[in-house]
Amino acid sequence: MEIIEIIGAFTTLIGSIFILLGSVGMVRMPDFYNRIQTGTKASTLGTMLSLLGIGLIHLDWGGKIVVLILFVLMTNPVSSHVIARAAHFTKISLTGKTVVDKLTKKKFKLKKDN
C-alpha cells in the first residue's frame, strides 16, 4: 500500500467519524432546530472528508470528486436552512432554553433551574 492510499483511508475514516458524531448529536439535541444544525455541519464536513479520502485512494477520479465536494458544500447548508425556515413558519416549537428567536425578533427569559 502506498502512503497516499494510507492518507486517503485515514481521511475517509475521519469523515466517517464526523458523520457518526453528527448522528449522535442529532439524538442528543433538545429540539428540531438544533438537530438540523448538528446534522448539517457534521454531514457536510464528514461527506467532504470521505469524498476527499476516496479521491486520494483513486487519483483518476479527482475531477469528479472535486465536483461532488463543491456540490455538497453548496447544497447541504442551503437545503437545511430552507428546511429550518419552513419549520419556523409552520410553528414548530423551540426548546425552553432558547434565548432569542432572530426570525421573529423575540427575546425569551431563561427559566432558572432550582
N, C-alpha and C. Protein backbone atom coordinates (compact mmCIF):
# COMPACT_ATOMS: atom_id res chain seq x y z
N MET A 1 0.84 -1.19 0.00
CA MET A 1 0.00 0.00 0.00
C MET A 1 0.88 1.24 0.00
N GLU A 2 0.58 2.16 -0.87
CA GLU A 2 1.36 3.39 -0.93
C GLU A 2 0.91 4.35 0.17
N ILE A 3 1.75 5.34 0.43
CA ILE A 3 1.48 6.30 1.51
C ILE A 3 0.24 7.15 1.19
N ILE A 4 0.00 7.47 -0.08
CA ILE A 4 -1.17 8.27 -0.44
C ILE A 4 -2.47 7.51 -0.18
N GLU A 5 -2.43 6.18 -0.37
CA GLU A 5 -3.61 5.37 -0.07
C GLU A 5 -3.87 5.29 1.43
N ILE A 6 -2.81 5.27 2.21
CA ILE A 6 -2.98 5.26 3.67
C ILE A 6 -3.56 6.58 4.14
N ILE A 7 -3.08 7.68 3.58
CA ILE A 7 -3.63 9.01 3.92
C ILE A 7 -5.10 9.08 3.51
N GLY A 8 -5.42 8.54 2.32
CA GLY A 8 -6.81 8.52 1.86
C GLY A 8 -7.71 7.70 2.76
N ALA A 9 -7.23 6.55 3.18
CA ALA A 9 -8.02 5.70 4.08
C ALA A 9 -8.22 6.39 5.43
N PHE A 10 -7.20 7.06 5.94
CA PHE A 10 -7.31 7.78 7.21
C PHE A 10 -8.29 8.95 7.09
N THR A 11 -8.24 9.66 5.96
CA THR A 11 -9.15 10.79 5.74
C THR A 11 -10.60 10.29 5.65
N THR A 12 -10.81 9.18 4.97
CA THR A 12 -12.15 8.60 4.89
C THR A 12 -12.64 8.16 6.27
N LEU A 13 -11.75 7.62 7.08
CA LEU A 13 -12.12 7.22 8.44
C LEU A 13 -12.51 8.44 9.28
N ILE A 14 -11.76 9.51 9.17
CA ILE A 14 -12.09 10.74 9.91
C ILE A 14 -13.46 11.27 9.47
N GLY A 15 -13.74 11.24 8.16
CA GLY A 15 -15.04 11.66 7.66
C GLY A 15 -16.17 10.80 8.21
N SER A 16 -15.94 9.51 8.29
CA SER A 16 -16.94 8.60 8.84
C SER A 16 -17.18 8.87 10.32
N ILE A 17 -16.14 9.22 11.03
CA ILE A 17 -16.28 9.56 12.46
C ILE A 17 -17.12 10.83 12.62
N PHE A 18 -16.89 11.83 11.77
CA PHE A 18 -17.70 13.05 11.83
C PHE A 18 -19.18 12.74 11.57
N ILE A 19 -19.46 11.88 10.61
CA ILE A 19 -20.84 11.51 10.32
C ILE A 19 -21.45 10.76 11.51
N LEU A 20 -20.68 9.88 12.14
CA LEU A 20 -21.17 9.17 13.33
C LEU A 20 -21.45 10.14 14.47
N LEU A 21 -20.55 11.08 14.72
CA LEU A 21 -20.76 12.05 15.79
C LEU A 21 -21.96 12.95 15.50
N GLY A 22 -22.18 13.25 14.23
CA GLY A 22 -23.36 14.03 13.87
C GLY A 22 -24.65 13.29 14.17
N SER A 23 -24.66 11.99 13.94
CA SER A 23 -25.86 11.21 14.24
C SER A 23 -26.08 11.11 15.75
N VAL A 24 -25.02 11.02 16.51
CA VAL A 24 -25.16 11.02 17.97
C VAL A 24 -25.66 12.38 18.45
N GLY A 25 -25.16 13.45 17.84
CA GLY A 25 -25.63 14.79 18.19
C GLY A 25 -27.09 15.00 17.86
N MET A 26 -27.56 14.39 16.79
CA MET A 26 -28.97 14.54 16.43
C MET A 26 -29.88 13.88 17.46
N VAL A 27 -29.40 12.83 18.09
CA VAL A 27 -30.20 12.17 19.13
C VAL A 27 -30.19 12.99 20.41
N ARG A 28 -29.09 13.66 20.70
CA ARG A 28 -28.92 14.36 21.97
C ARG A 28 -29.44 15.79 21.99
N MET A 29 -29.65 16.41 20.86
CA MET A 29 -30.08 17.81 20.83
C MET A 29 -31.54 17.95 21.26
N PRO A 30 -31.89 19.08 21.89
CA PRO A 30 -33.22 19.21 22.51
C PRO A 30 -34.37 19.52 21.57
N ASP A 31 -34.13 20.17 20.44
CA ASP A 31 -35.25 20.49 19.56
C ASP A 31 -34.86 20.33 18.09
N PHE A 32 -35.84 20.51 17.24
CA PHE A 32 -35.68 20.29 15.80
C PHE A 32 -34.59 21.18 15.20
N TYR A 33 -34.52 22.41 15.60
CA TYR A 33 -33.58 23.37 15.00
C TYR A 33 -32.13 23.03 15.35
N ASN A 34 -31.89 22.63 16.57
CA ASN A 34 -30.54 22.20 16.95
C ASN A 34 -30.15 20.90 16.25
N ARG A 35 -31.12 20.03 16.06
CA ARG A 35 -30.84 18.78 15.34
C ARG A 35 -30.46 19.04 13.89
N ILE A 36 -31.14 19.98 13.27
CA ILE A 36 -30.81 20.32 11.88
C ILE A 36 -29.39 20.88 11.81
N GLN A 37 -29.05 21.76 12.73
CA GLN A 37 -27.71 22.37 12.72
C GLN A 37 -26.64 21.32 12.93
N THR A 38 -26.86 20.42 13.86
CA THR A 38 -25.89 19.37 14.13
C THR A 38 -25.72 18.45 12.93
N GLY A 39 -26.83 18.03 12.38
CA GLY A 39 -26.76 17.13 11.23
C GLY A 39 -26.12 17.77 10.01
N THR A 40 -26.39 19.04 9.79
CA THR A 40 -25.84 19.71 8.61
C THR A 40 -24.34 19.88 8.71
N LYS A 41 -23.88 20.39 9.81
CA LYS A 41 -22.44 20.62 9.95
C LYS A 41 -21.65 19.33 9.88
N ALA A 42 -22.12 18.32 10.60
CA ALA A 42 -21.39 17.05 10.63
C ALA A 42 -21.46 16.32 9.29
N SER A 43 -22.62 16.33 8.66
CA SER A 43 -22.73 15.61 7.40
C SER A 43 -21.98 16.33 6.28
N THR A 44 -21.94 17.65 6.31
CA THR A 44 -21.19 18.38 5.28
C THR A 44 -19.71 18.08 5.41
N LEU A 45 -19.15 18.25 6.59
CA LEU A 45 -17.73 18.01 6.78
C LEU A 45 -17.39 16.53 6.62
N GLY A 46 -18.22 15.65 7.17
CA GLY A 46 -17.97 14.21 7.07
C GLY A 46 -18.01 13.72 5.63
N THR A 47 -18.98 14.18 4.86
CA THR A 47 -19.08 13.78 3.47
C THR A 47 -17.90 14.31 2.66
N MET A 48 -17.53 15.56 2.92
CA MET A 48 -16.40 16.13 2.18
C MET A 48 -15.10 15.39 2.50
N LEU A 49 -14.87 15.05 3.75
CA LEU A 49 -13.66 14.32 4.10
C LEU A 49 -13.67 12.90 3.53
N SER A 50 -14.83 12.26 3.57
CA SER A 50 -14.93 10.91 3.00
C SER A 50 -14.66 10.93 1.50
N LEU A 51 -15.25 11.90 0.81
CA LEU A 51 -15.01 12.01 -0.62
C LEU A 51 -13.55 12.34 -0.93
N LEU A 52 -12.95 13.21 -0.12
CA LEU A 52 -11.54 13.54 -0.32
C LEU A 52 -10.67 12.31 -0.14
N GLY A 53 -10.98 11.50 0.87
CA GLY A 53 -10.23 10.27 1.09
C GLY A 53 -10.36 9.30 -0.07
N ILE A 54 -11.57 9.18 -0.61
CA ILE A 54 -11.77 8.31 -1.77
C ILE A 54 -11.01 8.87 -2.98
N GLY A 55 -10.99 10.20 -3.09
CA GLY A 55 -10.24 10.81 -4.18
C GLY A 55 -8.74 10.58 -4.06
N LEU A 56 -8.24 10.49 -2.84
CA LEU A 56 -6.82 10.21 -2.65
C LEU A 56 -6.50 8.75 -2.95
N ILE A 57 -7.43 7.88 -2.68
CA ILE A 57 -7.21 6.46 -2.98
C ILE A 57 -7.27 6.22 -4.48
N HIS A 58 -8.25 6.84 -5.14
CA HIS A 58 -8.43 6.69 -6.59
C HIS A 58 -8.12 8.03 -7.25
N LEU A 59 -6.87 8.29 -7.53
CA LEU A 59 -6.46 9.58 -8.05
C LEU A 59 -7.07 9.91 -9.41
N ASP A 60 -7.43 8.91 -10.19
CA ASP A 60 -8.02 9.17 -11.50
C ASP A 60 -9.46 9.68 -11.39
N TRP A 61 -10.07 9.61 -10.23
CA TRP A 61 -11.41 10.14 -10.01
C TRP A 61 -11.38 11.58 -9.50
N GLY A 62 -10.24 12.22 -9.49
CA GLY A 62 -10.05 13.52 -8.85
C GLY A 62 -11.02 14.60 -9.29
N GLY A 63 -11.23 14.74 -10.59
CA GLY A 63 -12.13 15.78 -11.09
C GLY A 63 -13.57 15.57 -10.63
N LYS A 64 -14.02 14.34 -10.69
CA LYS A 64 -15.39 14.03 -10.26
C LYS A 64 -15.56 14.26 -8.76
N ILE A 65 -14.55 13.91 -8.00
CA ILE A 65 -14.61 14.09 -6.54
C ILE A 65 -14.67 15.57 -6.19
N VAL A 66 -13.89 16.40 -6.87
CA VAL A 66 -13.91 17.85 -6.61
C VAL A 66 -15.29 18.42 -6.90
N VAL A 67 -15.90 17.99 -8.01
CA VAL A 67 -17.25 18.46 -8.35
C VAL A 67 -18.25 18.02 -7.27
N LEU A 68 -18.14 16.79 -6.81
CA LEU A 68 -19.04 16.31 -5.75
C LEU A 68 -18.85 17.09 -4.45
N ILE A 69 -17.61 17.36 -4.09
CA ILE A 69 -17.35 18.13 -2.87
C ILE A 69 -17.93 19.53 -2.97
N LEU A 70 -17.76 20.19 -4.11
CA LEU A 70 -18.33 21.52 -4.29
C LEU A 70 -19.85 21.48 -4.26
N PHE A 71 -20.44 20.45 -4.84
CA PHE A 71 -21.89 20.31 -4.82
C PHE A 71 -22.40 20.15 -3.39
N VAL A 72 -21.76 19.31 -2.60
CA VAL A 72 -22.16 19.12 -1.20
C VAL A 72 -21.96 20.41 -0.41
N LEU A 73 -20.86 21.11 -0.67
CA LEU A 73 -20.56 22.35 0.05
C LEU A 73 -21.61 23.42 -0.23
N MET A 74 -22.13 23.45 -1.45
CA MET A 74 -23.12 24.48 -1.79
C MET A 74 -24.55 24.09 -1.41
N THR A 75 -24.92 22.83 -1.57
CA THR A 75 -26.33 22.47 -1.42
C THR A 75 -26.73 22.06 -0.01
N ASN A 76 -25.86 21.43 0.73
CA ASN A 76 -26.24 20.93 2.05
C ASN A 76 -26.62 22.05 3.02
N PRO A 77 -25.82 23.10 3.20
CA PRO A 77 -26.23 24.17 4.11
C PRO A 77 -27.47 24.93 3.63
N VAL A 78 -27.58 25.12 2.34
CA VAL A 78 -28.74 25.85 1.81
C VAL A 78 -30.02 25.06 2.03
N SER A 79 -29.98 23.76 1.76
CA SER A 79 -31.19 22.96 1.94
C SER A 79 -31.61 22.88 3.41
N SER A 80 -30.66 22.77 4.31
CA SER A 80 -31.03 22.71 5.73
C SER A 80 -31.56 24.06 6.21
N HIS A 81 -31.05 25.15 5.66
CA HIS A 81 -31.57 26.47 6.01
C HIS A 81 -33.02 26.61 5.56
N VAL A 82 -33.32 26.14 4.36
CA VAL A 82 -34.68 26.21 3.85
C VAL A 82 -35.62 25.35 4.70
N ILE A 83 -35.17 24.17 5.09
CA ILE A 83 -35.99 23.30 5.94
C ILE A 83 -36.23 23.95 7.30
N ALA A 84 -35.21 24.58 7.87
CA ALA A 84 -35.36 25.23 9.18
C ALA A 84 -36.32 26.41 9.09
N ARG A 85 -36.24 27.20 8.02
CA ARG A 85 -37.18 28.32 7.87
C ARG A 85 -38.61 27.82 7.69
N ALA A 86 -38.77 26.76 6.92
CA ALA A 86 -40.11 26.20 6.75
C ALA A 86 -40.65 25.68 8.08
N ALA A 87 -39.79 25.07 8.86
CA ALA A 87 -40.22 24.59 10.19
C ALA A 87 -40.61 25.75 11.08
N HIS A 88 -39.89 26.84 11.01
CA HIS A 88 -40.20 28.01 11.83
C HIS A 88 -41.54 28.62 11.43
N PHE A 89 -41.78 28.71 10.14
CA PHE A 89 -43.02 29.31 9.68
C PHE A 89 -44.23 28.41 9.89
N THR A 90 -44.01 27.11 10.08
CA THR A 90 -45.12 26.21 10.43
C THR A 90 -45.24 26.06 11.93
N LYS A 91 -44.51 26.87 12.67
CA LYS A 91 -44.61 26.98 14.13
C LYS A 91 -44.18 25.73 14.88
N ILE A 92 -43.11 25.08 14.44
CA ILE A 92 -42.53 24.00 15.23
C ILE A 92 -41.86 24.64 16.43
N SER A 93 -42.16 24.14 17.62
CA SER A 93 -41.77 24.82 18.85
C SER A 93 -40.26 24.76 19.10
N LEU A 94 -39.79 25.79 19.79
CA LEU A 94 -38.39 25.87 20.22
C LEU A 94 -38.26 25.21 21.58
N THR A 95 -37.03 24.94 21.96
CA THR A 95 -36.79 24.39 23.29
C THR A 95 -36.98 25.50 24.34
N GLY A 96 -37.19 25.10 25.57
CA GLY A 96 -37.36 26.07 26.64
C GLY A 96 -36.11 26.85 26.96
N LYS A 97 -34.96 26.41 26.49
CA LYS A 97 -33.69 27.08 26.75
C LYS A 97 -33.35 28.13 25.71
N THR A 98 -34.23 28.35 24.74
CA THR A 98 -33.97 29.32 23.69
C THR A 98 -34.00 30.73 24.26
N VAL A 99 -33.01 31.54 23.92
CA VAL A 99 -32.91 32.89 24.44
C VAL A 99 -33.45 33.91 23.44
N VAL A 100 -33.11 33.78 22.15
CA VAL A 100 -33.53 34.74 21.13
C VAL A 100 -34.01 33.97 19.90
N ASP A 101 -35.12 34.42 19.36
CA ASP A 101 -35.61 33.92 18.08
C ASP A 101 -35.39 35.04 17.07
N LYS A 102 -34.34 34.94 16.27
CA LYS A 102 -33.96 36.04 15.39
C LYS A 102 -34.90 36.22 14.20
N LEU A 103 -35.67 35.21 13.87
CA LEU A 103 -36.61 35.38 12.76
C LEU A 103 -37.81 36.22 13.16
N THR A 104 -38.22 36.17 14.44
CA THR A 104 -39.34 36.99 14.89
C THR A 104 -38.88 38.14 15.78
N LYS A 105 -37.59 38.25 16.00
CA LYS A 105 -37.00 39.30 16.85
C LYS A 105 -37.58 39.24 18.27
N LYS A 106 -37.89 38.03 18.71
CA LYS A 106 -38.48 37.84 20.02
C LYS A 106 -37.42 37.36 21.00
N LYS A 107 -37.41 37.94 22.19
CA LYS A 107 -36.47 37.52 23.23
C LYS A 107 -37.22 36.76 24.30
N PHE A 108 -36.57 35.73 24.82
CA PHE A 108 -37.18 34.89 25.85
C PHE A 108 -36.37 35.03 27.14
N LYS A 109 -37.03 34.83 28.24
CA LYS A 109 -36.34 34.79 29.52
C LYS A 109 -36.01 33.35 29.83
N LEU A 110 -34.79 33.14 30.31
CA LEU A 110 -34.38 31.79 30.68
C LEU A 110 -35.07 31.40 31.98
N LYS A 111 -35.53 30.17 32.02
CA LYS A 111 -36.09 29.65 33.26
C LYS A 111 -34.96 29.10 34.09
N LYS A 112 -34.89 29.57 35.34
CA LYS A 112 -33.81 29.11 36.22
C LYS A 112 -34.17 27.75 36.78
N ASP A 113 -33.17 26.86 36.72
CA ASP A 113 -33.36 25.52 37.31
C ASP A 113 -33.05 25.59 38.79
N ASN A 114 -34.00 25.20 39.60
CA ASN A 114 -33.78 25.20 41.07
C ASN A 114 -33.62 23.82 41.58
